[in-house]
Amino acid sequence: MSNVIDMREYREVDPILRKGDLVRIVDDEAEIDGLTGIVIEILEILGPDSEAPGQASWMTVALPDEEGWVEYDLSLGSIVRILGEEADVLRGYQHGSV
């Protein structure tokens, strides 16, 4: 359908980590390093005098498990957001198509 606009191509990426964002664990010392999860709660944010006011500094991330979901409280330094095509694929979108 040529008259359908794919909003994924036009929305800006919000620099603030939020509930619902997909993340990958990057903590070499944790058993969960390299796993992918979803932010389910923001526990603490950076204050107005910080480098990134309003940015989440601690959050709860849910990781899929064979028996359901397992929740971990993680710092911002232990995760990276998954954006762009990789996030679309994880959400079930076929990149480049509507």
N, C-alpha and C. Protein backbone atom coordinates (compact mmCIF):
# COMPACT_ATOMS: atom_id res chain seq x y z
N MET A 1 0.84 -1.18 0.00
CA MET A 1 0.00 0.00 0.00
C MET A 1 0.89 1.24 0.00
N SER A 2 0.90 1.94 -1.07
CA SER A 2 1.78 3.09 -1.21
C SER A 2 1.29 4.32 -0.46
N ASN A 3 0.04 4.34 -0.03
CA ASN A 3 -0.46 5.52 0.67
C ASN A 3 -0.41 5.37 2.20
N VAL A 4 0.28 4.35 2.69
CA VAL A 4 0.42 4.15 4.13
C VAL A 4 1.80 4.66 4.55
N ILE A 5 1.82 5.48 5.58
CA ILE A 5 3.08 6.03 6.08
C ILE A 5 3.55 5.18 7.26
N ASP A 6 4.78 4.73 7.20
CA ASP A 6 5.38 3.95 8.27
C ASP A 6 5.95 4.94 9.29
N MET A 7 5.27 5.11 10.43
CA MET A 7 5.67 6.10 11.43
C MET A 7 7.03 5.79 12.04
N ARG A 8 7.49 4.55 11.95
CA ARG A 8 8.81 4.21 12.48
C ARG A 8 9.91 4.98 11.76
N GLU A 9 9.66 5.39 10.52
CA GLU A 9 10.65 6.13 9.74
C GLU A 9 10.68 7.61 10.08
N TYR A 10 9.64 8.12 10.73
CA TYR A 10 9.52 9.56 10.94
C TYR A 10 9.58 9.99 12.39
N ARG A 11 9.42 9.08 13.34
CA ARG A 11 9.47 9.50 14.74
C ARG A 11 10.92 9.63 15.19
N GLU A 12 11.14 10.63 16.03
CA GLU A 12 12.48 10.85 16.57
C GLU A 12 12.73 9.86 17.70
N VAL A 13 13.98 9.51 17.90
CA VAL A 13 14.34 8.63 19.01
C VAL A 13 14.47 9.48 20.25
N ASP A 14 13.70 9.15 21.26
CA ASP A 14 13.74 9.87 22.53
C ASP A 14 15.04 9.51 23.25
N PRO A 15 15.83 10.50 23.68
CA PRO A 15 17.09 10.19 24.36
C PRO A 15 16.91 9.67 25.78
N ILE A 16 15.70 9.81 26.34
CA ILE A 16 15.43 9.40 27.71
C ILE A 16 14.94 7.95 27.73
N LEU A 17 15.59 7.12 28.54
CA LEU A 17 15.17 5.74 28.72
C LEU A 17 13.84 5.71 29.45
N ARG A 18 12.90 4.92 28.93
CA ARG A 18 11.56 4.89 29.51
C ARG A 18 11.06 3.46 29.68
N LYS A 19 10.01 3.34 30.47
CA LYS A 19 9.33 2.07 30.64
C LYS A 19 8.88 1.58 29.26
N GLY A 20 9.13 0.31 28.98
CA GLY A 20 8.76 -0.25 27.68
C GLY A 20 9.92 -0.33 26.70
N ASP A 21 11.03 0.33 27.00
CA ASP A 21 12.19 0.27 26.10
C ASP A 21 12.85 -1.10 26.17
N LEU A 22 13.34 -1.55 25.03
CA LEU A 22 14.09 -2.80 24.96
C LEU A 22 15.54 -2.52 25.28
N VAL A 23 16.16 -3.41 26.06
CA VAL A 23 17.55 -3.21 26.46
C VAL A 23 18.32 -4.53 26.40
N ARG A 24 19.64 -4.40 26.28
CA ARG A 24 20.54 -5.56 26.36
C ARG A 24 21.44 -5.35 27.58
N ILE A 25 21.63 -6.42 28.34
CA ILE A 25 22.47 -6.35 29.53
C ILE A 25 23.94 -6.38 29.10
N VAL A 26 24.73 -5.45 29.63
CA VAL A 26 26.16 -5.38 29.31
C VAL A 26 26.97 -5.32 30.61
N ASP A 27 26.88 -6.38 31.35
CA ASP A 27 27.58 -6.48 32.62
C ASP A 27 28.37 -7.78 32.61
N ASP A 28 29.67 -7.69 32.31
CA ASP A 28 30.52 -8.87 32.15
C ASP A 28 30.53 -9.78 33.38
N GLU A 29 30.24 -9.23 34.54
CA GLU A 29 30.29 -10.02 35.76
C GLU A 29 28.95 -10.67 36.11
N ALA A 30 27.91 -10.37 35.36
CA ALA A 30 26.58 -10.93 35.65
C ALA A 30 26.30 -12.12 34.75
N GLU A 31 25.57 -13.08 35.28
CA GLU A 31 25.17 -14.26 34.50
C GLU A 31 24.24 -13.87 33.35
N ILE A 32 23.62 -12.72 33.46
CA ILE A 32 22.64 -12.30 32.45
C ILE A 32 23.26 -11.43 31.36
N ASP A 33 24.58 -11.28 31.35
CA ASP A 33 25.27 -10.47 30.34
C ASP A 33 24.88 -10.93 28.94
N GLY A 34 24.51 -9.98 28.08
CA GLY A 34 24.17 -10.28 26.70
C GLY A 34 22.71 -10.61 26.46
N LEU A 35 21.93 -10.78 27.53
CA LEU A 35 20.51 -11.10 27.36
C LEU A 35 19.71 -9.84 27.07
N THR A 36 18.55 -10.01 26.49
CA THR A 36 17.68 -8.90 26.10
C THR A 36 16.43 -8.91 26.97
N GLY A 37 16.01 -7.72 27.40
CA GLY A 37 14.82 -7.59 28.22
C GLY A 37 14.08 -6.30 27.95
N ILE A 38 13.09 -6.04 28.78
CA ILE A 38 12.27 -4.84 28.63
C ILE A 38 12.22 -4.11 29.97
N VAL A 39 12.33 -2.78 29.90
CA VAL A 39 12.26 -1.96 31.12
C VAL A 39 10.79 -1.94 31.56
N ILE A 40 10.57 -2.38 32.81
CA ILE A 40 9.19 -2.41 33.31
C ILE A 40 8.93 -1.37 34.40
N GLU A 41 10.00 -0.79 34.94
CA GLU A 41 9.82 0.24 35.97
C GLU A 41 11.08 1.09 36.07
N ILE A 42 10.88 2.39 36.23
CA ILE A 42 11.99 3.31 36.48
C ILE A 42 12.04 3.52 38.00
N LEU A 43 13.18 3.20 38.60
CA LEU A 43 13.33 3.27 40.05
C LEU A 43 13.92 4.59 40.52
N GLU A 44 14.80 5.16 39.70
CA GLU A 44 15.49 6.40 40.10
C GLU A 44 15.89 7.16 38.84
N ILE A 45 15.76 8.49 38.89
CA ILE A 45 16.17 9.31 37.75
C ILE A 45 17.23 10.31 38.21
N LEU A 46 18.00 10.79 37.24
CA LEU A 46 19.02 11.79 37.53
C LEU A 46 18.36 13.14 37.76
N GLY A 47 18.92 13.91 38.67
CA GLY A 47 18.36 15.21 39.05
C GLY A 47 18.63 16.30 38.04
N PRO A 48 18.04 17.48 38.27
CA PRO A 48 18.16 18.60 37.33
C PRO A 48 19.58 19.15 37.19
N ASP A 49 20.45 18.90 38.15
CA ASP A 49 21.82 19.40 38.08
C ASP A 49 22.79 18.39 37.46
N SER A 50 22.29 17.30 36.93
CA SER A 50 23.14 16.26 36.35
C SER A 50 23.39 16.53 34.87
N GLU A 51 24.22 15.68 34.26
CA GLU A 51 24.50 15.80 32.83
C GLU A 51 23.28 15.48 31.97
N ALA A 52 22.39 14.63 32.49
CA ALA A 52 21.21 14.20 31.73
C ALA A 52 19.97 14.23 32.63
N PRO A 53 19.46 15.42 32.91
CA PRO A 53 18.29 15.53 33.81
C PRO A 53 17.12 14.68 33.32
N GLY A 54 16.54 13.93 34.24
CA GLY A 54 15.39 13.09 33.90
C GLY A 54 15.73 11.71 33.39
N GLN A 55 17.01 11.46 33.10
CA GLN A 55 17.41 10.14 32.61
C GLN A 55 17.32 9.12 33.73
N ALA A 56 16.84 7.94 33.41
CA ALA A 56 16.78 6.86 34.40
C ALA A 56 18.19 6.45 34.79
N SER A 57 18.41 6.30 36.09
CA SER A 57 19.72 5.82 36.54
C SER A 57 19.62 4.40 37.10
N TRP A 58 18.45 4.02 37.59
CA TRP A 58 18.17 2.66 38.04
C TRP A 58 16.80 2.26 37.53
N MET A 59 16.69 1.03 37.08
CA MET A 59 15.42 0.55 36.54
C MET A 59 15.25 -0.93 36.81
N THR A 60 14.02 -1.41 36.69
CA THR A 60 13.75 -2.84 36.76
C THR A 60 13.58 -3.33 35.34
N VAL A 61 14.33 -4.37 35.01
CA VAL A 61 14.28 -4.97 33.67
C VAL A 61 13.76 -6.40 33.82
N ALA A 62 12.78 -6.74 33.00
CA ALA A 62 12.25 -8.11 32.99
C ALA A 62 12.89 -8.87 31.83
N LEU A 63 13.40 -10.05 32.15
CA LEU A 63 14.01 -10.93 31.14
C LEU A 63 13.16 -12.18 31.01
N PRO A 64 12.90 -12.62 29.78
CA PRO A 64 12.10 -13.84 29.61
C PRO A 64 12.86 -15.05 30.14
N ASP A 65 12.09 -15.96 30.71
CA ASP A 65 12.64 -17.17 31.30
C ASP A 65 11.74 -18.32 30.85
N GLU A 66 12.22 -19.53 30.98
CA GLU A 66 11.41 -20.69 30.58
C GLU A 66 10.09 -20.77 31.34
N GLU A 67 10.06 -20.23 32.54
CA GLU A 67 8.86 -20.30 33.37
C GLU A 67 8.11 -18.97 33.45
N GLY A 68 8.49 -17.98 32.68
CA GLY A 68 7.84 -16.67 32.73
C GLY A 68 8.85 -15.56 32.58
N TRP A 69 8.81 -14.60 33.49
CA TRP A 69 9.70 -13.44 33.47
C TRP A 69 10.45 -13.35 34.79
N VAL A 70 11.72 -12.94 34.71
CA VAL A 70 12.53 -12.71 35.90
C VAL A 70 12.91 -11.24 35.89
N GLU A 71 12.74 -10.58 37.05
CA GLU A 71 13.01 -9.15 37.16
C GLU A 71 14.34 -8.89 37.84
N TYR A 72 15.07 -7.90 37.31
CA TYR A 72 16.36 -7.48 37.87
C TYR A 72 16.37 -5.97 37.99
N ASP A 73 16.86 -5.46 39.11
CA ASP A 73 17.09 -4.03 39.28
C ASP A 73 18.50 -3.74 38.80
N LEU A 74 18.62 -2.88 37.79
CA LEU A 74 19.92 -2.62 37.15
C LEU A 74 20.18 -1.12 37.05
N SER A 75 21.46 -0.78 37.02
CA SER A 75 21.84 0.62 36.82
C SER A 75 21.96 0.90 35.33
N LEU A 76 21.97 2.17 35.00
CA LEU A 76 22.10 2.59 33.61
C LEU A 76 23.37 2.05 32.97
N GLY A 77 24.44 1.93 33.76
CA GLY A 77 25.70 1.43 33.25
C GLY A 77 25.71 -0.05 32.92
N SER A 78 24.65 -0.76 33.30
CA SER A 78 24.57 -2.20 33.06
C SER A 78 23.72 -2.57 31.85
N ILE A 79 23.20 -1.56 31.17
CA ILE A 79 22.31 -1.84 30.02
C ILE A 79 22.64 -0.92 28.85
N VAL A 80 22.22 -1.33 27.66
CA VAL A 80 22.21 -0.46 26.49
C VAL A 80 20.83 -0.59 25.85
N ARG A 81 20.31 0.52 25.36
CA ARG A 81 19.02 0.48 24.68
C ARG A 81 19.17 -0.17 23.33
N ILE A 82 18.13 -0.85 22.92
CA ILE A 82 18.08 -1.44 21.59
C ILE A 82 17.15 -0.56 20.76
N LEU A 83 17.70 0.02 19.70
CA LEU A 83 16.97 0.96 18.87
C LEU A 83 17.01 0.52 17.41
N GLY A 84 16.25 1.19 16.57
CA GLY A 84 16.32 1.00 15.13
C GLY A 84 15.82 -0.35 14.66
N GLU A 85 16.48 -0.86 13.64
CA GLU A 85 16.03 -2.10 13.00
C GLU A 85 16.01 -3.28 13.97
N GLU A 86 17.00 -3.36 14.83
CA GLU A 86 17.05 -4.48 15.78
C GLU A 86 15.83 -4.45 16.72
N ALA A 87 15.45 -3.27 17.20
CA ALA A 87 14.27 -3.14 18.06
C ALA A 87 13.00 -3.51 17.30
N ASP A 88 12.92 -3.08 16.04
CA ASP A 88 11.75 -3.42 15.22
C ASP A 88 11.61 -4.93 15.06
N VAL A 89 12.71 -5.61 14.80
CA VAL A 89 12.69 -7.06 14.63
C VAL A 89 12.23 -7.73 15.92
N LEU A 90 12.77 -7.29 17.06
CA LEU A 90 12.37 -7.87 18.34
C LEU A 90 10.90 -7.63 18.64
N ARG A 91 10.36 -6.52 18.15
CA ARG A 91 8.94 -6.22 18.36
C ARG A 91 8.05 -6.90 17.32
N GLY A 92 8.64 -7.59 16.36
CA GLY A 92 7.87 -8.32 15.37
C GLY A 92 7.58 -7.58 14.08
N TYR A 93 8.20 -6.42 13.88
CA TYR A 93 8.04 -5.69 12.62
C TYR A 93 9.02 -6.21 11.60
N GLN A 94 8.63 -6.17 10.35
CA GLN A 94 9.56 -6.46 9.27
C GLN A 94 10.10 -5.11 8.83
N HIS A 95 11.40 -4.91 9.00
CA HIS A 95 12.00 -3.60 8.70
C HIS A 95 11.82 -3.24 7.24
N GLY A 96 11.41 -1.99 7.01
CA GLY A 96 11.24 -1.50 5.66
C GLY A 96 9.88 -1.81 5.05
N SER A 97 9.01 -2.47 5.83
CA SER A 97 7.67 -2.75 5.29
C SER A 97 6.64 -2.42 6.36
N VAL A 98 5.42 -2.15 5.91
CA VAL A 98 4.33 -1.80 6.82
C VAL A 98 3.46 -2.99 7.01
